[in-house]
Each structure stands twice: as C-alpha cells, then as structure tokens.
Amino acid sequence: HRYELIDGGMIVTPAPGTNHQLCVGRLYVVLHDHLPPELTVMLSPYDYNINEATMVEPDLLVARTTDFGPANLQVTPLLVIEVLSRSTRYLDLGAKRLAYAAAGVPNYWIVDPSLAAPSVTALVLGTGGDYVIAAAIAGDEEWTDPVLGVTLVPSRLVGPAPTPA
C-alpha cells in the first residue's frame, strides 16, 4: 500500500499494477537520459513534504539536484508526474492536483497509461494559481517540453514488458 497525507487526512491506495509501473519506469528512463546534470528525476516511493499536513508520493518528480535532502524533498520541485490508475485517478486529478497547485509546483504532467488510448496532459501553473493545459497528446503524437527539452510519445510509454532475448 501507498500512504499519503493530504490536508491532514490519511490516504491509502493499493500498490500500482504492472502497466502503471512499466509506464513509470519508461518515463524515468526518458527523463534520466535527457535531463541536464543540475536536475534529478526521482521515482516513487519518495516523499515530497509540502507542509506539515501534506506529504505525498508522486510517481515521479524532477527537482534541482541540490534541493534533495538526505531523507526527502522539502522544497517545491520543478515537475511532478502522476500516472493514473483505477484506484488513484480521482485523487491525482483532484486533491493532489490542488495540493500541487497550492504548493506552487510549476509543472504537473498527468499520464494515462490506458493501452487503448495512452495520453499525456502537461499542465503549467497559471498566474491565477490554477493549472492550465500546456499540451495534451495521445497515441503516437509527439510533444517536446519547452522547459526540460524532453520529448514524449504516449504510445511508447505503455505496452507489454519486453521479453528477454
């Protein structure tokens, strides 16, 4: 189980499934291989302490390498990524989205690893303090994040695990 604290309320969700974890792993590889050395990508389980009442475990986050402490991240990351699953979809799109916006996380990617219609929605924090859509891609569409320079294609993030040679 995954345990998170949002506005003082304990949220417990089941461990992620295979497709979710394959997607998280593929996203990690893309980010790790293309980020400059001053940025680090971290994957869950890893705590991001927003404040005393909110501690979350995003699927992935990107922050300045110098911002990571020995135990967890206690400053605002540059990017948070949540990969949707049946058990976390509403949490990722609702309470966590609001928590990230309130914390001032400038970039929030929501990845839907559905095999039928994989998609990535990239949100940026607007001047009003809420997220606005910077990009929404699906299937074989390609998008390059203008901040990180990372190119994503949703269909490449999902699918069966590779078979050993």
N, C-alpha and C. Protein backbone atom coordinates (compact mmCIF):
# COMPACT_ATOMS: atom_id res chain seq x y z
N HIS A 1 0.83 -1.19 0.00
CA HIS A 1 0.00 0.00 0.00
C HIS A 1 0.87 1.25 0.00
N ARG A 2 0.30 2.30 -0.52
CA ARG A 2 0.94 3.60 -0.53
C ARG A 2 0.19 4.48 0.45
N TYR A 3 0.93 5.17 1.33
CA TYR A 3 0.33 6.03 2.35
C TYR A 3 0.73 7.47 2.08
N GLU A 4 -0.27 8.34 1.99
CA GLU A 4 -0.02 9.75 1.77
C GLU A 4 -0.89 10.55 2.73
N LEU A 5 -0.48 11.78 3.00
CA LEU A 5 -1.21 12.67 3.88
C LEU A 5 -1.57 13.91 3.08
N ILE A 6 -2.87 14.19 2.96
CA ILE A 6 -3.30 15.38 2.22
C ILE A 6 -4.23 16.18 3.11
N ASP A 7 -3.82 17.40 3.43
CA ASP A 7 -4.56 18.29 4.34
C ASP A 7 -4.92 17.58 5.63
N GLY A 8 -4.00 16.80 6.17
CA GLY A 8 -4.19 16.12 7.44
C GLY A 8 -4.94 14.81 7.35
N GLY A 9 -5.46 14.44 6.19
CA GLY A 9 -6.19 13.18 6.02
C GLY A 9 -5.30 12.11 5.43
N MET A 10 -5.33 10.93 6.03
CA MET A 10 -4.52 9.81 5.54
C MET A 10 -5.20 9.18 4.32
N ILE A 11 -4.45 9.03 3.24
CA ILE A 11 -4.92 8.40 2.01
C ILE A 11 -4.13 7.11 1.83
N VAL A 12 -4.83 6.00 1.70
CA VAL A 12 -4.19 4.71 1.50
C VAL A 12 -4.67 4.16 0.15
N THR A 13 -3.74 3.83 -0.71
CA THR A 13 -4.08 3.26 -2.01
C THR A 13 -3.29 1.97 -2.21
N PRO A 14 -3.84 1.06 -3.01
CA PRO A 14 -3.12 -0.20 -3.25
C PRO A 14 -1.86 0.03 -4.08
N ALA A 15 -0.97 -0.93 -4.02
CA ALA A 15 0.24 -0.86 -4.83
C ALA A 15 -0.14 -0.80 -6.31
N PRO A 16 0.64 -0.08 -7.12
CA PRO A 16 0.33 0.04 -8.54
C PRO A 16 0.46 -1.28 -9.27
N GLY A 17 -0.25 -1.37 -10.41
CA GLY A 17 -0.22 -2.56 -11.25
C GLY A 17 0.92 -2.53 -12.25
N THR A 18 1.00 -3.58 -13.03
CA THR A 18 2.09 -3.78 -13.98
C THR A 18 2.19 -2.67 -15.01
N ASN A 19 1.08 -2.36 -15.71
CA ASN A 19 1.14 -1.34 -16.76
C ASN A 19 1.53 0.02 -16.19
N HIS A 20 1.01 0.34 -15.01
CA HIS A 20 1.35 1.59 -14.34
C HIS A 20 2.86 1.66 -14.09
N GLN A 21 3.42 0.58 -13.55
CA GLN A 21 4.83 0.58 -13.22
C GLN A 21 5.73 0.57 -14.45
N LEU A 22 5.30 -0.11 -15.51
CA LEU A 22 6.07 -0.07 -16.76
C LEU A 22 6.11 1.36 -17.29
N CYS A 23 4.99 2.05 -17.22
CA CYS A 23 4.91 3.44 -17.68
C CYS A 23 5.82 4.34 -16.84
N VAL A 24 5.76 4.18 -15.52
CA VAL A 24 6.62 4.98 -14.63
C VAL A 24 8.09 4.72 -14.96
N GLY A 25 8.44 3.46 -15.16
CA GLY A 25 9.83 3.12 -15.50
C GLY A 25 10.28 3.74 -16.80
N ARG A 26 9.43 3.70 -17.80
CA ARG A 26 9.78 4.27 -19.11
C ARG A 26 9.90 5.78 -19.03
N LEU A 27 9.03 6.41 -18.27
CA LEU A 27 9.14 7.86 -18.07
C LEU A 27 10.45 8.21 -17.36
N TYR A 28 10.80 7.41 -16.37
CA TYR A 28 12.05 7.65 -15.64
C TYR A 28 13.24 7.60 -16.59
N VAL A 29 13.28 6.58 -17.45
CA VAL A 29 14.40 6.43 -18.38
C VAL A 29 14.48 7.63 -19.32
N VAL A 30 13.34 8.04 -19.87
CA VAL A 30 13.32 9.20 -20.79
C VAL A 30 13.86 10.44 -20.07
N LEU A 31 13.35 10.70 -18.87
CA LEU A 31 13.79 11.88 -18.13
C LEU A 31 15.25 11.77 -17.72
N HIS A 32 15.63 10.65 -17.15
CA HIS A 32 17.01 10.46 -16.69
C HIS A 32 18.01 10.65 -17.83
N ASP A 33 17.67 10.13 -19.00
CA ASP A 33 18.60 10.18 -20.13
C ASP A 33 18.68 11.55 -20.79
N HIS A 34 17.74 12.46 -20.51
CA HIS A 34 17.71 13.73 -21.22
C HIS A 34 17.81 14.97 -20.34
N LEU A 35 17.79 14.80 -19.02
CA LEU A 35 17.88 15.96 -18.14
C LEU A 35 19.34 16.41 -18.00
N PRO A 36 19.55 17.71 -17.86
CA PRO A 36 20.91 18.19 -17.59
C PRO A 36 21.34 17.76 -16.18
N PRO A 37 22.64 17.73 -15.91
CA PRO A 37 23.14 17.21 -14.63
C PRO A 37 22.66 17.99 -13.41
N GLU A 38 22.25 19.23 -13.58
CA GLU A 38 21.79 20.00 -12.42
C GLU A 38 20.37 19.65 -11.99
N LEU A 39 19.71 18.76 -12.76
CA LEU A 39 18.37 18.30 -12.42
C LEU A 39 18.40 16.80 -12.16
N THR A 40 17.56 16.36 -11.23
CA THR A 40 17.47 14.95 -10.89
C THR A 40 16.02 14.51 -10.95
N VAL A 41 15.78 13.33 -11.51
CA VAL A 41 14.45 12.73 -11.51
C VAL A 41 14.43 11.65 -10.42
N MET A 42 13.36 11.65 -9.64
CA MET A 42 13.19 10.67 -8.57
C MET A 42 11.87 9.96 -8.78
N LEU A 43 11.85 8.65 -8.53
CA LEU A 43 10.61 7.92 -8.69
C LEU A 43 10.12 7.39 -7.35
N SER A 44 8.84 7.13 -7.29
CA SER A 44 8.19 6.68 -6.09
C SER A 44 8.65 5.27 -5.74
N PRO A 45 8.69 4.91 -4.47
CA PRO A 45 8.23 5.71 -3.34
C PRO A 45 9.30 6.69 -2.88
N TYR A 46 8.92 7.95 -2.83
CA TYR A 46 9.79 9.03 -2.36
C TYR A 46 8.90 10.16 -1.89
N ASP A 47 9.07 10.58 -0.65
CA ASP A 47 8.19 11.59 -0.06
C ASP A 47 8.53 12.99 -0.52
N TYR A 48 7.49 13.74 -0.82
CA TYR A 48 7.58 15.18 -1.05
C TYR A 48 6.73 15.82 0.04
N ASN A 49 7.40 16.47 0.99
CA ASN A 49 6.71 17.13 2.10
C ASN A 49 6.31 18.54 1.68
N ILE A 50 5.03 18.71 1.40
CA ILE A 50 4.54 20.04 1.01
C ILE A 50 4.45 20.93 2.23
N ASN A 51 3.90 20.41 3.31
CA ASN A 51 3.83 21.12 4.58
C ASN A 51 3.54 20.08 5.67
N GLU A 52 3.31 20.53 6.89
CA GLU A 52 3.10 19.59 8.00
C GLU A 52 1.86 18.72 7.80
N ALA A 53 0.89 19.20 7.05
CA ALA A 53 -0.37 18.46 6.87
C ALA A 53 -0.43 17.69 5.55
N THR A 54 0.56 17.89 4.68
CA THR A 54 0.50 17.24 3.36
C THR A 54 1.87 16.67 2.98
N MET A 55 1.89 15.35 2.87
CA MET A 55 3.07 14.63 2.41
C MET A 55 2.60 13.62 1.36
N VAL A 56 3.12 13.75 0.15
CA VAL A 56 2.66 12.91 -0.95
C VAL A 56 3.83 12.14 -1.56
N GLU A 57 3.48 11.12 -2.34
CA GLU A 57 4.46 10.34 -3.08
C GLU A 57 4.09 10.36 -4.56
N PRO A 58 4.51 11.42 -5.28
CA PRO A 58 4.22 11.42 -6.72
C PRO A 58 4.94 10.27 -7.40
N ASP A 59 4.40 9.83 -8.54
CA ASP A 59 5.05 8.74 -9.26
C ASP A 59 6.46 9.12 -9.66
N LEU A 60 6.64 10.35 -10.13
CA LEU A 60 7.96 10.87 -10.46
C LEU A 60 7.97 12.36 -10.13
N LEU A 61 9.15 12.86 -9.85
CA LEU A 61 9.31 14.31 -9.71
C LEU A 61 10.70 14.70 -10.18
N VAL A 62 10.81 15.94 -10.61
CA VAL A 62 12.08 16.49 -11.06
C VAL A 62 12.36 17.74 -10.24
N ALA A 63 13.57 17.82 -9.69
CA ALA A 63 13.98 18.98 -8.91
C ALA A 63 15.46 19.24 -9.16
N ARG A 64 15.90 20.39 -8.69
CA ARG A 64 17.32 20.68 -8.78
C ARG A 64 18.06 19.67 -7.90
N THR A 65 19.16 19.18 -8.37
CA THR A 65 19.93 18.17 -7.65
C THR A 65 20.28 18.67 -6.25
N THR A 66 20.59 19.93 -6.10
CA THR A 66 20.97 20.50 -4.81
C THR A 66 19.80 20.63 -3.84
N ASP A 67 18.56 20.45 -4.31
CA ASP A 67 17.39 20.58 -3.45
C ASP A 67 17.04 19.30 -2.69
N PHE A 68 17.66 18.19 -3.06
CA PHE A 68 17.34 16.92 -2.40
C PHE A 68 18.08 16.82 -1.08
N GLY A 69 17.33 16.50 -0.03
CA GLY A 69 17.91 16.26 1.27
C GLY A 69 18.22 14.79 1.44
N PRO A 70 18.77 14.41 2.59
CA PRO A 70 19.12 13.00 2.81
C PRO A 70 17.90 12.09 2.92
N ALA A 71 16.74 12.63 3.32
CA ALA A 71 15.57 11.77 3.52
C ALA A 71 14.47 12.00 2.50
N ASN A 72 14.22 13.26 2.14
CA ASN A 72 13.11 13.56 1.23
C ASN A 72 13.23 14.97 0.68
N LEU A 73 12.27 15.34 -0.14
CA LEU A 73 12.26 16.66 -0.75
C LEU A 73 11.32 17.56 0.04
N GLN A 74 11.84 18.70 0.49
CA GLN A 74 11.02 19.61 1.29
C GLN A 74 10.91 20.98 0.64
N VAL A 75 11.33 21.07 -0.62
CA VAL A 75 11.15 22.31 -1.38
C VAL A 75 10.33 21.96 -2.63
N THR A 76 9.82 22.96 -3.27
CA THR A 76 8.96 22.74 -4.42
C THR A 76 9.75 22.19 -5.60
N PRO A 77 9.34 21.04 -6.14
CA PRO A 77 10.02 20.51 -7.33
C PRO A 77 9.64 21.31 -8.57
N LEU A 78 10.38 21.12 -9.64
CA LEU A 78 10.09 21.80 -10.90
C LEU A 78 8.96 21.11 -11.66
N LEU A 79 8.84 19.79 -11.45
CA LEU A 79 7.85 18.98 -12.17
C LEU A 79 7.40 17.83 -11.29
N VAL A 80 6.10 17.58 -11.30
CA VAL A 80 5.54 16.39 -10.67
C VAL A 80 4.77 15.63 -11.75
N ILE A 81 4.92 14.30 -11.75
CA ILE A 81 4.22 13.46 -12.72
C ILE A 81 3.42 12.41 -11.97
N GLU A 82 2.14 12.30 -12.31
CA GLU A 82 1.30 11.23 -11.78
C GLU A 82 0.83 10.38 -12.95
N VAL A 83 0.97 9.07 -12.80
CA VAL A 83 0.48 8.12 -13.78
C VAL A 83 -0.84 7.58 -13.23
N LEU A 84 -1.90 7.78 -13.97
CA LEU A 84 -3.23 7.41 -13.49
C LEU A 84 -3.40 5.90 -13.39
N SER A 85 -4.15 5.49 -12.39
CA SER A 85 -4.58 4.11 -12.26
C SER A 85 -6.02 4.15 -11.78
N ARG A 86 -6.67 3.02 -11.83
CA ARG A 86 -8.08 2.97 -11.45
C ARG A 86 -8.27 3.45 -10.00
N SER A 87 -7.35 3.09 -9.12
CA SER A 87 -7.50 3.43 -7.71
C SER A 87 -7.04 4.84 -7.36
N THR A 88 -6.25 5.50 -8.23
CA THR A 88 -5.73 6.83 -7.88
C THR A 88 -6.22 7.94 -8.81
N ARG A 89 -6.96 7.60 -9.85
CA ARG A 89 -7.36 8.57 -10.87
C ARG A 89 -7.97 9.84 -10.26
N TYR A 90 -8.98 9.68 -9.41
CA TYR A 90 -9.67 10.85 -8.88
C TYR A 90 -8.82 11.61 -7.88
N LEU A 91 -7.96 10.92 -7.17
CA LEU A 91 -7.03 11.57 -6.26
C LEU A 91 -6.01 12.41 -7.05
N ASP A 92 -5.45 11.83 -8.11
CA ASP A 92 -4.46 12.53 -8.93
C ASP A 92 -5.06 13.74 -9.64
N LEU A 93 -6.30 13.60 -10.09
CA LEU A 93 -6.96 14.70 -10.83
C LEU A 93 -7.62 15.72 -9.91
N GLY A 94 -7.80 15.36 -8.63
CA GLY A 94 -8.50 16.23 -7.70
C GLY A 94 -7.60 16.76 -6.59
N ALA A 95 -7.57 16.04 -5.46
CA ALA A 95 -6.88 16.52 -4.27
C ALA A 95 -5.39 16.75 -4.49
N LYS A 96 -4.73 15.85 -5.22
CA LYS A 96 -3.29 16.03 -5.43
C LYS A 96 -3.02 17.20 -6.38
N ARG A 97 -3.84 17.34 -7.39
CA ARG A 97 -3.69 18.48 -8.30
C ARG A 97 -3.81 19.79 -7.52
N LEU A 98 -4.81 19.88 -6.66
CA LEU A 98 -5.00 21.08 -5.84
C LEU A 98 -3.82 21.30 -4.89
N ALA A 99 -3.31 20.22 -4.30
CA ALA A 99 -2.17 20.33 -3.38
C ALA A 99 -0.93 20.81 -4.11
N TYR A 100 -0.68 20.28 -5.31
CA TYR A 100 0.49 20.70 -6.08
C TYR A 100 0.36 22.17 -6.50
N ALA A 101 -0.82 22.58 -6.90
CA ALA A 101 -1.03 23.97 -7.29
C ALA A 101 -0.82 24.89 -6.09
N ALA A 102 -1.38 24.53 -4.94
CA ALA A 102 -1.24 25.35 -3.73
C ALA A 102 0.22 25.44 -3.30
N ALA A 103 1.00 24.38 -3.56
CA ALA A 103 2.42 24.38 -3.20
C ALA A 103 3.27 25.15 -4.21
N GLY A 104 2.68 25.53 -5.33
CA GLY A 104 3.41 26.28 -6.35
C GLY A 104 4.24 25.42 -7.29
N VAL A 105 3.91 24.14 -7.42
CA VAL A 105 4.63 23.26 -8.36
C VAL A 105 4.35 23.79 -9.77
N PRO A 106 5.36 24.26 -10.49
CA PRO A 106 5.11 24.94 -11.76
C PRO A 106 4.65 24.05 -12.91
N ASN A 107 5.00 22.76 -12.87
CA ASN A 107 4.65 21.85 -13.96
C ASN A 107 4.11 20.54 -13.39
N TYR A 108 2.98 20.10 -13.95
CA TYR A 108 2.34 18.87 -13.49
C TYR A 108 1.90 18.09 -14.72
N TRP A 109 2.48 16.90 -14.90
CA TRP A 109 2.09 16.04 -16.02
C TRP A 109 1.19 14.93 -15.50
N ILE A 110 0.11 14.70 -16.20
CA ILE A 110 -0.81 13.61 -15.88
C ILE A 110 -0.74 12.63 -17.05
N VAL A 111 -0.33 11.41 -16.74
CA VAL A 111 -0.14 10.39 -17.77
C VAL A 111 -1.20 9.31 -17.59
N ASP A 112 -1.94 9.04 -18.66
CA ASP A 112 -2.93 7.97 -18.65
C ASP A 112 -2.34 6.80 -19.43
N PRO A 113 -2.00 5.70 -18.74
CA PRO A 113 -1.35 4.58 -19.41
C PRO A 113 -2.31 3.58 -20.04
N SER A 114 -3.53 4.00 -20.30
CA SER A 114 -4.50 3.12 -20.92
C SER A 114 -3.93 2.55 -22.21
N LEU A 115 -3.97 1.24 -22.35
CA LEU A 115 -3.43 0.61 -23.56
C LEU A 115 -4.21 1.02 -24.80
N ALA A 116 -5.50 1.28 -24.64
CA ALA A 116 -6.34 1.66 -25.77
C ALA A 116 -6.10 3.10 -26.22
N ALA A 117 -5.81 3.98 -25.27
CA ALA A 117 -5.64 5.40 -25.60
C ALA A 117 -4.69 6.08 -24.62
N PRO A 118 -3.39 5.76 -24.69
CA PRO A 118 -2.45 6.41 -23.78
C PRO A 118 -2.36 7.90 -24.08
N SER A 119 -2.20 8.69 -23.01
CA SER A 119 -2.14 10.15 -23.21
C SER A 119 -1.27 10.80 -22.15
N VAL A 120 -0.82 12.01 -22.47
CA VAL A 120 -0.10 12.85 -21.54
C VAL A 120 -0.72 14.23 -21.60
N THR A 121 -1.06 14.75 -20.43
CA THR A 121 -1.54 16.13 -20.33
C THR A 121 -0.53 16.89 -19.50
N ALA A 122 0.08 17.91 -20.10
CA ALA A 122 1.07 18.72 -19.41
C ALA A 122 0.39 20.01 -18.94
N LEU A 123 0.45 20.24 -17.66
CA LEU A 123 -0.16 21.43 -17.07
C LEU A 123 0.93 22.36 -16.56
N VAL A 124 0.69 23.65 -16.68
CA VAL A 124 1.58 24.65 -16.11
C VAL A 124 0.77 25.51 -15.16
N LEU A 125 1.41 25.97 -14.11
CA LEU A 125 0.74 26.79 -13.12
C LEU A 125 0.52 28.18 -13.69
N GLY A 126 -0.75 28.59 -13.78
CA GLY A 126 -1.09 29.90 -14.32
C GLY A 126 -0.96 30.99 -13.28
N THR A 127 -1.11 32.22 -13.71
CA THR A 127 -0.98 33.37 -12.82
C THR A 127 -2.06 33.40 -11.75
N GLY A 128 -3.19 32.76 -11.99
CA GLY A 128 -4.27 32.71 -11.01
C GLY A 128 -4.09 31.61 -9.98
N GLY A 129 -3.00 30.84 -10.06
CA GLY A 129 -2.74 29.80 -9.09
C GLY A 129 -3.37 28.46 -9.40
N ASP A 130 -3.96 28.32 -10.59
CA ASP A 130 -4.51 27.04 -11.00
C ASP A 130 -3.77 26.59 -12.25
N TYR A 131 -3.86 25.31 -12.54
CA TYR A 131 -3.17 24.78 -13.71
C TYR A 131 -3.94 25.05 -14.99
N VAL A 132 -3.17 25.31 -16.05
CA VAL A 132 -3.72 25.43 -17.39
C VAL A 132 -3.00 24.43 -18.28
N ILE A 133 -3.69 23.96 -19.29
CA ILE A 133 -3.12 22.95 -20.18
C ILE A 133 -2.09 23.58 -21.11
N ALA A 134 -0.87 23.05 -21.06
CA ALA A 134 0.18 23.48 -21.96
C ALA A 134 0.23 22.58 -23.18
N ALA A 135 -0.11 21.30 -22.99
CA ALA A 135 -0.11 20.33 -24.09
C ALA A 135 -0.98 19.15 -23.68
N ALA A 136 -1.62 18.57 -24.67
CA ALA A 136 -2.39 17.34 -24.47
C ALA A 136 -2.15 16.48 -25.70
N ILE A 137 -1.48 15.35 -25.49
CA ILE A 137 -1.15 14.47 -26.61
C ILE A 137 -1.65 13.07 -26.31
N ALA A 138 -1.87 12.31 -27.37
CA ALA A 138 -2.35 10.94 -27.22
C ALA A 138 -1.75 10.06 -28.31
N GLY A 139 -1.70 8.76 -28.01
CA GLY A 139 -1.24 7.79 -29.00
C GLY A 139 0.17 8.05 -29.49
N ASP A 140 0.32 8.23 -30.82
CA ASP A 140 1.63 8.43 -31.43
C ASP A 140 2.02 9.89 -31.59
N GLU A 141 1.23 10.80 -31.03
CA GLU A 141 1.58 12.22 -31.09
C GLU A 141 2.86 12.46 -30.29
N GLU A 142 3.62 13.44 -30.73
CA GLU A 142 4.89 13.77 -30.10
C GLU A 142 4.82 15.18 -29.54
N TRP A 143 5.44 15.38 -28.37
CA TRP A 143 5.49 16.70 -27.76
C TRP A 143 6.83 16.86 -27.06
N THR A 144 7.45 18.02 -27.23
CA THR A 144 8.69 18.32 -26.55
C THR A 144 8.43 19.41 -25.52
N ASP A 145 8.71 19.10 -24.27
CA ASP A 145 8.52 20.07 -23.19
C ASP A 145 9.51 21.22 -23.39
N PRO A 146 9.01 22.47 -23.45
CA PRO A 146 9.90 23.60 -23.71
C PRO A 146 10.83 23.93 -22.54
N VAL A 147 10.49 23.49 -21.34
CA VAL A 147 11.33 23.77 -20.18
C VAL A 147 12.46 22.76 -20.05
N LEU A 148 12.12 21.47 -20.14
CA LEU A 148 13.11 20.42 -19.93
C LEU A 148 13.75 19.90 -21.22
N GLY A 149 13.11 20.17 -22.37
CA GLY A 149 13.62 19.69 -23.64
C GLY A 149 13.42 18.20 -23.85
N VAL A 150 12.55 17.59 -23.07
CA VAL A 150 12.27 16.15 -23.15
C VAL A 150 11.12 15.92 -24.11
N THR A 151 11.27 14.94 -25.01
CA THR A 151 10.23 14.61 -25.96
C THR A 151 9.49 13.36 -25.51
N LEU A 152 8.16 13.43 -25.54
CA LEU A 152 7.31 12.31 -25.13
C LEU A 152 6.41 11.87 -26.27
N VAL A 153 6.18 10.56 -26.35
CA VAL A 153 5.20 9.96 -27.25
C VAL A 153 4.43 8.96 -26.37
N PRO A 154 3.15 9.23 -26.06
CA PRO A 154 2.41 8.38 -25.12
C PRO A 154 2.43 6.89 -25.46
N SER A 155 2.32 6.53 -26.73
CA SER A 155 2.27 5.11 -27.09
C SER A 155 3.56 4.38 -26.75
N ARG A 156 4.66 5.11 -26.61
CA ARG A 156 5.94 4.49 -26.26
C ARG A 156 6.09 4.26 -24.76
N LEU A 157 5.14 4.78 -23.98
CA LEU A 157 5.21 4.66 -22.53
C LEU A 157 4.43 3.47 -22.00
N VAL A 158 3.67 2.81 -22.88
CA VAL A 158 2.80 1.73 -22.43
C VAL A 158 3.06 0.47 -23.25
N GLY A 159 2.44 -0.60 -22.84
CA GLY A 159 2.55 -1.83 -23.59
C GLY A 159 3.15 -2.93 -22.75
N PRO A 160 3.24 -4.10 -23.31
CA PRO A 160 3.75 -5.23 -22.55
C PRO A 160 5.23 -5.07 -22.20
N ALA A 161 5.61 -5.75 -21.16
CA ALA A 161 7.01 -5.75 -20.77
C ALA A 161 7.82 -6.42 -21.88
N PRO A 162 9.01 -5.93 -22.14
CA PRO A 162 9.82 -6.56 -23.18
C PRO A 162 10.16 -8.00 -22.78
N THR A 163 10.19 -8.87 -23.76
CA THR A 163 10.56 -10.26 -23.48
C THR A 163 12.06 -10.41 -23.54
N PRO A 164 12.62 -11.21 -22.65
CA PRO A 164 14.08 -11.39 -22.66
C PRO A 164 14.54 -12.04 -23.97
N ALA A 165 15.70 -11.66 -24.39
CA ALA A 165 16.28 -12.22 -25.62
C ALA A 165 16.82 -13.60 -25.41
